[in-house]
Amino acid sequence: GVFGAFVVRQTQDLYLDTYDVDSPDHVLVLQDW
């Protein structure tokens, strides 16, 4: 259970306009359990 997401966002995201929604709540972490 000692794991989690680590997201480093770019200061200038060239693709930002292509996202419908860019939310920190939309990070998915997969792990064998």
ModelCIF file with pLDDT and N, C-alpha, C, O atoms, coordinates in Angstrom:
data_MODEL
#
_entry.id   MODEL 
#
_entity.id                         1 
_entity.type                       polymer 
_entity.pdbx_number_of_molecules   1 
#
_entity_poly.entity_id                      1 
_entity_poly.type                           'polypeptide(L)' 
_entity_poly.nstd_linkage                   no 
_entity_poly.nstd_monomer                   no 
_entity_poly.pdbx_seq_one_letter_code       GVFGAFVVRQTQDLYLDTYDVDSPDHVLVLQDW 
_entity_poly.pdbx_seq_one_letter_code_can   GVFGAFVVRQTQDLYLDTYDVDSPDHVLVLQDW 
_entity_poly.pdbx_strand_id                 A 
#
loop_
_entity_poly_seq.entity_id 
_entity_poly_seq.num 
_entity_poly_seq.mon_id 
_entity_poly_seq.hetero 
1 1  GLY n 
1 2  VAL n 
1 3  PHE n 
1 4  GLY n 
1 5  ALA n 
1 6  PHE n 
1 7  VAL n 
1 8  VAL n 
1 9  ARG n 
1 10 GLN n 
1 11 THR n 
1 12 GLN n 
1 13 ASP n 
1 14 LEU n 
1 15 TYR n 
1 16 LEU n 
1 17 ASP n 
1 18 THR n 
1 19 TYR n 
1 20 ASP n 
1 21 VAL n 
1 22 ASP n 
1 23 SER n 
1 24 PRO n 
1 25 ASP n 
1 26 HIS n 
1 27 VAL n 
1 28 LEU n 
1 29 VAL n 
1 30 LEU n 
1 31 GLN n 
1 32 ASP n 
1 33 TRP n 
#
_struct_asym.id          A 
_struct_asym.entity_id   1 
#
loop_
_ma_qa_metric.id 
_ma_qa_metric.mode 
_ma_qa_metric.name 
_ma_qa_metric.software_group_id 
_ma_qa_metric.type 
1 global pLDDT . pLDDT 
2 local  pLDDT . pLDDT 
#
_ma_qa_metric_global.metric_id      1 
_ma_qa_metric_global.metric_value   87.39 
_ma_qa_metric_global.model_id       1 
_ma_qa_metric_global.ordinal_id     1 
#
loop_
_ma_qa_metric_local.label_asym_id 
_ma_qa_metric_local.label_comp_id 
_ma_qa_metric_local.label_seq_id 
_ma_qa_metric_local.metric_id 
_ma_qa_metric_local.metric_value 
_ma_qa_metric_local.model_id 
_ma_qa_metric_local.ordinal_id 
A GLY 1  2 93.00 1 1  
A VAL 2  2 96.00 1 2  
A PHE 3  2 96.00 1 3  
A GLY 4  2 97.00 1 4  
A ALA 5  2 97.00 1 5  
A PHE 6  2 97.00 1 6  
A VAL 7  2 96.00 1 7  
A VAL 8  2 95.00 1 8  
A ARG 9  2 91.00 1 9  
A GLN 10 2 87.00 1 10 
A THR 11 2 76.00 1 11 
A GLN 12 2 77.00 1 12 
A ASP 13 2 78.00 1 13 
A LEU 14 2 80.00 1 14 
A TYR 15 2 80.00 1 15 
A LEU 16 2 79.00 1 16 
A ASP 17 2 83.00 1 17 
A THR 18 2 87.00 1 18 
A TYR 19 2 83.00 1 19 
A ASP 20 2 84.00 1 20 
A VAL 21 2 84.00 1 21 
A ASP 22 2 79.00 1 22 
A SER 23 2 82.00 1 23 
A PRO 24 2 82.00 1 24 
A ASP 25 2 86.00 1 25 
A HIS 26 2 87.00 1 26 
A VAL 27 2 91.00 1 27 
A LEU 28 2 91.00 1 28 
A VAL 29 2 92.00 1 29 
A LEU 30 2 90.00 1 30 
A GLN 31 2 89.00 1 31 
A ASP 32 2 89.00 1 32 
A TRP 33 2 90.00 1 33 
#
loop_
_atom_site.group_PDB 
_atom_site.id 
_atom_site.type_symbol 
_atom_site.label_atom_id 
_atom_site.label_alt_id 
_atom_site.label_comp_id 
_atom_site.label_asym_id 
_atom_site.label_entity_id 
_atom_site.label_seq_id 
_atom_site.pdbx_PDB_ins_code 
_atom_site.Cartn_x 
_atom_site.Cartn_y 
_atom_site.Cartn_z 
_atom_site.occupancy 
_atom_site.B_iso_or_equiv 
_atom_site.pdbx_formal_charge 
_atom_site.auth_seq_id 
_atom_site.auth_comp_id 
_atom_site.auth_asym_id 
_atom_site.auth_atom_id 
_atom_site.pdbx_PDB_model_num 
ATOM 1   N N  . GLY A 1 1  ? 0.763   -1.241 0.000   1.00 93.00 ? 1  GLY A N  1 
ATOM 2   C CA . GLY A 1 1  ? 0.000   0.000  0.000   1.00 93.00 ? 1  GLY A CA 1 
ATOM 3   C C  . GLY A 1 1  ? 0.793   1.290  0.000   1.00 93.00 ? 1  GLY A C  1 
ATOM 4   O O  . GLY A 1 1  ? 0.193   2.365  -0.011  1.00 93.00 ? 1  GLY A O  1 
ATOM 5   N N  . VAL A 1 2  ? 2.121   1.229  0.012   1.00 96.00 ? 2  VAL A N  1 
ATOM 6   C CA . VAL A 1 2  ? 2.921   2.453  0.064   1.00 96.00 ? 2  VAL A CA 1 
ATOM 7   C C  . VAL A 1 2  ? 3.262   2.886  -1.368  1.00 96.00 ? 2  VAL A C  1 
ATOM 8   O O  . VAL A 1 2  ? 4.342   2.597  -1.883  1.00 96.00 ? 2  VAL A O  1 
ATOM 9   N N  . PHE A 1 3  ? 2.314   3.583  -1.989  1.00 96.00 ? 3  PHE A N  1 
ATOM 10  C CA . PHE A 1 3  ? 2.483   4.077  -3.358  1.00 96.00 ? 3  PHE A CA 1 
ATOM 11  C C  . PHE A 1 3  ? 1.442   5.163  -3.625  1.00 96.00 ? 3  PHE A C  1 
ATOM 12  O O  . PHE A 1 3  ? 0.445   5.279  -2.912  1.00 96.00 ? 3  PHE A O  1 
ATOM 13  N N  . GLY A 1 4  ? 1.698   5.958  -4.672  1.00 97.00 ? 4  GLY A N  1 
ATOM 14  C CA . GLY A 1 4  ? 0.745   6.996  -5.059  1.00 97.00 ? 4  GLY A CA 1 
ATOM 15  C C  . GLY A 1 4  ? 1.201   7.719  -6.316  1.00 97.00 ? 4  GLY A C  1 
ATOM 16  O O  . GLY A 1 4  ? 2.292   7.469  -6.828  1.00 97.00 ? 4  GLY A O  1 
ATOM 17  N N  . ALA A 1 5  ? 0.367   8.604  -6.801  1.00 97.00 ? 5  ALA A N  1 
ATOM 18  C CA . ALA A 1 5  ? 0.646   9.357  -8.029  1.00 97.00 ? 5  ALA A CA 1 
ATOM 19  C C  . ALA A 1 5  ? 1.642   10.487 -7.763  1.00 97.00 ? 5  ALA A C  1 
ATOM 20  O O  . ALA A 1 5  ? 1.665   11.077 -6.682  1.00 97.00 ? 5  ALA A O  1 
ATOM 21  N N  . PHE A 1 6  ? 2.458   10.771 -8.769  1.00 97.00 ? 6  PHE A N  1 
ATOM 22  C CA . PHE A 1 6  ? 3.408   11.888 -8.724  1.00 97.00 ? 6  PHE A CA 1 
ATOM 23  C C  . PHE A 1 6  ? 3.361   12.557 -10.100 1.00 97.00 ? 6  PHE A C  1 
ATOM 24  O O  . PHE A 1 6  ? 3.926   12.046 -11.066 1.00 97.00 ? 6  PHE A O  1 
ATOM 25  N N  . VAL A 1 7  ? 2.690   13.693 -10.176 1.00 96.00 ? 7  VAL A N  1 
ATOM 26  C CA . VAL A 1 7  ? 2.474   14.386 -11.445 1.00 96.00 ? 7  VAL A CA 1 
ATOM 27  C C  . VAL A 1 7  ? 3.250   15.695 -11.438 1.00 96.00 ? 7  VAL A C  1 
ATOM 28  O O  . VAL A 1 7  ? 3.116   16.508 -10.524 1.00 96.00 ? 7  VAL A O  1 
ATOM 29  N N  . VAL A 1 8  ? 4.063   15.883 -12.472 1.00 95.00 ? 8  VAL A N  1 
ATOM 30  C CA . VAL A 1 8  ? 4.803   17.133 -12.662 1.00 95.00 ? 8  VAL A CA 1 
ATOM 31  C C  . VAL A 1 8  ? 4.262   17.778 -13.934 1.00 95.00 ? 8  VAL A C  1 
ATOM 32  O O  . VAL A 1 8  ? 4.528   17.311 -15.041 1.00 95.00 ? 8  VAL A O  1 
ATOM 33  N N  . ARG A 1 9  ? 3.508   18.848 -13.764 1.00 91.00 ? 9  ARG A N  1 
ATOM 34  C CA . ARG A 1 9  ? 2.889   19.533 -14.903 1.00 91.00 ? 9  ARG A CA 1 
ATOM 35  C C  . ARG A 1 9  ? 3.885   20.504 -15.533 1.00 91.00 ? 9  ARG A C  1 
ATOM 36  O O  . ARG A 1 9  ? 4.677   21.144 -14.841 1.00 91.00 ? 9  ARG A O  1 
ATOM 37  N N  . GLN A 1 10 ? 3.827   20.595 -16.846 1.00 87.00 ? 10 GLN A N  1 
ATOM 38  C CA . GLN A 1 10 ? 4.680   21.540 -17.559 1.00 87.00 ? 10 GLN A CA 1 
ATOM 39  C C  . GLN A 1 10 ? 4.172   22.956 -17.350 1.00 87.00 ? 10 GLN A C  1 
ATOM 40  O O  . GLN A 1 10 ? 2.965   23.197 -17.296 1.00 87.00 ? 10 GLN A O  1 
ATOM 41  N N  . THR A 1 11 ? 5.102   23.884 -17.232 1.00 76.00 ? 11 THR A N  1 
ATOM 42  C CA . THR A 1 11 ? 4.714   25.279 -17.022 1.00 76.00 ? 11 THR A CA 1 
ATOM 43  C C  . THR A 1 11 ? 3.998   25.840 -18.241 1.00 76.00 ? 11 THR A C  1 
ATOM 44  O O  . THR A 1 11 ? 3.105   26.677 -18.110 1.00 76.00 ? 11 THR A O  1 
ATOM 45  N N  . GLN A 1 12 ? 4.383   25.386 -19.420 1.00 77.00 ? 12 GLN A N  1 
ATOM 46  C CA . GLN A 1 12 ? 3.708   25.803 -20.649 1.00 77.00 ? 12 GLN A CA 1 
ATOM 47  C C  . GLN A 1 12 ? 3.301   24.541 -21.402 1.00 77.00 ? 12 GLN A C  1 
ATOM 48  O O  . GLN A 1 12 ? 4.115   23.947 -22.108 1.00 77.00 ? 12 GLN A O  1 
ATOM 49  N N  . ASP A 1 13 ? 2.044   24.134 -21.252 1.00 78.00 ? 13 ASP A N  1 
ATOM 50  C CA . ASP A 1 13 ? 1.533   22.931 -21.887 1.00 78.00 ? 13 ASP A CA 1 
ATOM 51  C C  . ASP A 1 13 ? 1.037   23.280 -23.286 1.00 78.00 ? 13 ASP A C  1 
ATOM 52  O O  . ASP A 1 13 ? 0.000   23.924 -23.446 1.00 78.00 ? 13 ASP A O  1 
ATOM 53  N N  . LEU A 1 14 ? 1.778   22.853 -24.282 1.00 80.00 ? 14 LEU A N  1 
ATOM 54  C CA . LEU A 1 14 ? 1.441   23.167 -25.667 1.00 80.00 ? 14 LEU A CA 1 
ATOM 55  C C  . LEU A 1 14 ? 0.144   22.504 -26.128 1.00 80.00 ? 14 LEU A C  1 
ATOM 56  O O  . LEU A 1 14 ? -0.443  22.917 -27.128 1.00 80.00 ? 14 LEU A O  1 
ATOM 57  N N  . TYR A 1 15 ? -0.302  21.480 -25.405 1.00 80.00 ? 15 TYR A N  1 
ATOM 58  C CA . TYR A 1 15 ? -1.492  20.732 -25.807 1.00 80.00 ? 15 TYR A CA 1 
ATOM 59  C C  . TYR A 1 15 ? -2.715  21.061 -24.959 1.00 80.00 ? 15 TYR A C  1 
ATOM 60  O O  . TYR A 1 15 ? -3.739  20.387 -25.077 1.00 80.00 ? 15 TYR A O  1 
ATOM 61  N N  . LEU A 1 16 ? -2.634  22.064 -24.121 1.00 79.00 ? 16 LEU A N  1 
ATOM 62  C CA . LEU A 1 16 ? -3.725  22.390 -23.199 1.00 79.00 ? 16 LEU A CA 1 
ATOM 63  C C  . LEU A 1 16 ? -5.052  22.614 -23.918 1.00 79.00 ? 16 LEU A C  1 
ATOM 64  O O  . LEU A 1 16 ? -6.105  22.236 -23.404 1.00 79.00 ? 16 LEU A O  1 
ATOM 65  N N  . ASP A 1 17 ? -5.013  23.213 -25.078 1.00 83.00 ? 17 ASP A N  1 
ATOM 66  C CA . ASP A 1 17 ? -6.250  23.484 -25.825 1.00 83.00 ? 17 ASP A CA 1 
ATOM 67  C C  . ASP A 1 17 ? -6.909  22.221 -26.378 1.00 83.00 ? 17 ASP A C  1 
ATOM 68  O O  . ASP A 1 17 ? -8.071  22.263 -26.783 1.00 83.00 ? 17 ASP A O  1 
ATOM 69  N N  . THR A 1 18 ? -6.198  21.116 -26.401 1.00 87.00 ? 18 THR A N  1 
ATOM 70  C CA . THR A 1 18 ? -6.763  19.873 -26.942 1.00 87.00 ? 18 THR A CA 1 
ATOM 71  C C  . THR A 1 18 ? -7.502  19.058 -25.885 1.00 87.00 ? 18 THR A C  1 
ATOM 72  O O  . THR A 1 18 ? -8.160  18.078 -26.232 1.00 87.00 ? 18 THR A O  1 
ATOM 73  N N  . TYR A 1 19 ? -7.415  19.429 -24.606 1.00 83.00 ? 19 TYR A N  1 
ATOM 74  C CA . TYR A 1 19 ? -8.080  18.693 -23.534 1.00 83.00 ? 19 TYR A CA 1 
ATOM 75  C C  . TYR A 1 19 ? -9.503  19.215 -23.355 1.00 83.00 ? 19 TYR A C  1 
ATOM 76  O O  . TYR A 1 19 ? -9.734  20.423 -23.401 1.00 83.00 ? 19 TYR A O  1 
ATOM 77  N N  . ASP A 1 20 ? -10.445 18.314 -23.155 1.00 84.00 ? 20 ASP A N  1 
ATOM 78  C CA . ASP A 1 20 ? -11.792 18.727 -22.760 1.00 84.00 ? 20 ASP A CA 1 
ATOM 79  C C  . ASP A 1 20 ? -11.765 19.202 -21.314 1.00 84.00 ? 20 ASP A C  1 
ATOM 80  O O  . ASP A 1 20 ? -12.297 20.260 -20.980 1.00 84.00 ? 20 ASP A O  1 
ATOM 81  N N  . VAL A 1 21 ? -11.137 18.399 -20.467 1.00 84.00 ? 21 VAL A N  1 
ATOM 82  C CA . VAL A 1 21 ? -11.017 18.716 -19.046 1.00 84.00 ? 21 VAL A CA 1 
ATOM 83  C C  . VAL A 1 21 ? -9.619  18.311 -18.603 1.00 84.00 ? 21 VAL A C  1 
ATOM 84  O O  . VAL A 1 21 ? -9.170  17.204 -18.901 1.00 84.00 ? 21 VAL A O  1 
ATOM 85  N N  . ASP A 1 22 ? -8.938  19.183 -17.903 1.00 79.00 ? 22 ASP A N  1 
ATOM 86  C CA . ASP A 1 22 ? -7.632  18.862 -17.323 1.00 79.00 ? 22 ASP A CA 1 
ATOM 87  C C  . ASP A 1 22 ? -7.757  19.076 -15.824 1.00 79.00 ? 22 ASP A C  1 
ATOM 88  O O  . ASP A 1 22 ? -7.608  20.195 -15.332 1.00 79.00 ? 22 ASP A O  1 
ATOM 89  N N  . SER A 1 23 ? -8.031  18.000 -15.105 1.00 82.00 ? 23 SER A N  1 
ATOM 90  C CA . SER A 1 23 ? -8.301  18.102 -13.679 1.00 82.00 ? 23 SER A CA 1 
ATOM 91  C C  . SER A 1 23 ? -7.373  17.200 -12.879 1.00 82.00 ? 23 SER A C  1 
ATOM 92  O O  . SER A 1 23 ? -7.133  16.058 -13.272 1.00 82.00 ? 23 SER A O  1 
ATOM 93  N N  . PRO A 1 24 ? -6.848  17.696 -11.764 1.00 82.00 ? 24 PRO A N  1 
ATOM 94  C CA . PRO A 1 24 ? -6.028  16.846 -10.886 1.00 82.00 ? 24 PRO A CA 1 
ATOM 95  C C  . PRO A 1 24 ? -6.805  15.644 -10.351 1.00 82.00 ? 24 PRO A C  1 
ATOM 96  O O  . PRO A 1 24 ? -6.199  14.667 -9.912  1.00 82.00 ? 24 PRO A O  1 
ATOM 97  N N  . ASP A 1 25 ? -8.139  15.703 -10.381 1.00 86.00 ? 25 ASP A N  1 
ATOM 98  C CA . ASP A 1 25 ? -8.955  14.583 -9.914  1.00 86.00 ? 25 ASP A CA 1 
ATOM 99  C C  . ASP A 1 25 ? -8.989  13.425 -10.900 1.00 86.00 ? 25 ASP A C  1 
ATOM 100 O O  . ASP A 1 25 ? -9.523  12.364 -10.576 1.00 86.00 ? 25 ASP A O  1 
ATOM 101 N N  . HIS A 1 26 ? -8.437  13.597 -12.084 1.00 87.00 ? 26 HIS A N  1 
ATOM 102 C CA . HIS A 1 26 ? -8.514  12.585 -13.118 1.00 87.00 ? 26 HIS A CA 1 
ATOM 103 C C  . HIS A 1 26 ? -7.220  11.788 -13.274 1.00 87.00 ? 26 HIS A C  1 
ATOM 104 O O  . HIS A 1 26 ? -6.886  11.359 -14.378 1.00 87.00 ? 26 HIS A O  1 
ATOM 105 N N  . VAL A 1 27 ? -6.507  11.592 -12.197 1.00 91.00 ? 27 VAL A N  1 
ATOM 106 C CA . VAL A 1 27 ? -5.291  10.781 -12.232 1.00 91.00 ? 27 VAL A CA 1 
ATOM 107 C C  . VAL A 1 27 ? -5.649  9.385  -11.753 1.00 91.00 ? 27 VAL A C  1 
ATOM 108 O O  . VAL A 1 27 ? -6.264  9.222  -10.699 1.00 91.00 ? 27 VAL A O  1 
ATOM 109 N N  . LEU A 1 28 ? -5.270  8.390  -12.518 1.00 91.00 ? 28 LEU A N  1 
ATOM 110 C CA . LEU A 1 28 ? -5.578  7.003  -12.213 1.00 91.00 ? 28 LEU A CA 1 
ATOM 111 C C  . LEU A 1 28 ? -4.290  6.283  -11.841 1.00 91.00 ? 28 LEU A C  1 
ATOM 112 O O  . LEU A 1 28 ? -3.301  6.355  -12.571 1.00 91.00 ? 28 LEU A O  1 
ATOM 113 N N  . VAL A 1 29 ? -4.301  5.590  -10.709 1.00 92.00 ? 29 VAL A N  1 
ATOM 114 C CA . VAL A 1 29 ? -3.147  4.807  -10.261 1.00 92.00 ? 29 VAL A CA 1 
ATOM 115 C C  . VAL A 1 29 ? -3.565  3.344  -10.234 1.00 92.00 ? 29 VAL A C  1 
ATOM 116 O O  . VAL A 1 29 ? -4.546  2.990  -9.580  1.00 92.00 ? 29 VAL A O  1 
ATOM 117 N N  . LEU A 1 30 ? -2.833  2.497  -10.935 1.00 90.00 ? 30 LEU A N  1 
ATOM 118 C CA . LEU A 1 30 ? -3.120  1.060  -10.968 1.00 90.00 ? 30 LEU A CA 1 
ATOM 119 C C  . LEU A 1 30 ? -2.056  0.329  -10.156 1.00 90.00 ? 30 LEU A C  1 
ATOM 120 O O  . LEU A 1 30 ? -0.876  0.678  -10.186 1.00 90.00 ? 30 LEU A O  1 
ATOM 121 N N  . GLN A 1 31 ? -2.501  -0.686 -9.434  1.00 89.00 ? 31 GLN A N  1 
ATOM 122 C CA . GLN A 1 31 ? -1.573  -1.453 -8.605  1.00 89.00 ? 31 GLN A CA 1 
ATOM 123 C C  . GLN A 1 31 ? -2.155  -2.845 -8.405  1.00 89.00 ? 31 GLN A C  1 
ATOM 124 O O  . GLN A 1 31 ? -3.366  -2.998 -8.243  1.00 89.00 ? 31 GLN A O  1 
ATOM 125 N N  . ASP A 1 32 ? -1.308  -3.846 -8.417  1.00 89.00 ? 32 ASP A N  1 
ATOM 126 C CA . ASP A 1 32 ? -1.766  -5.188 -8.049  1.00 89.00 ? 32 ASP A CA 1 
ATOM 127 C C  . ASP A 1 32 ? -2.175  -5.158 -6.587  1.00 89.00 ? 32 ASP A C  1 
ATOM 128 O O  . ASP A 1 32 ? -1.486  -4.551 -5.767  1.00 89.00 ? 32 ASP A O  1 
ATOM 129 N N  . TRP A 1 33 ? -3.275  -5.797 -6.250  1.00 90.00 ? 33 TRP A N  1 
ATOM 130 C CA . TRP A 1 33 ? -3.737  -5.824 -4.867  1.00 90.00 ? 33 TRP A CA 1 
ATOM 131 C C  . TRP A 1 33 ? -4.176  -7.245 -4.540  1.00 90.00 ? 33 TRP A C  1 
ATOM 132 O O  . TRP A 1 33 ? -4.609  -7.515 -3.419  1.00 90.00 ? 33 TRP A O  1 
#
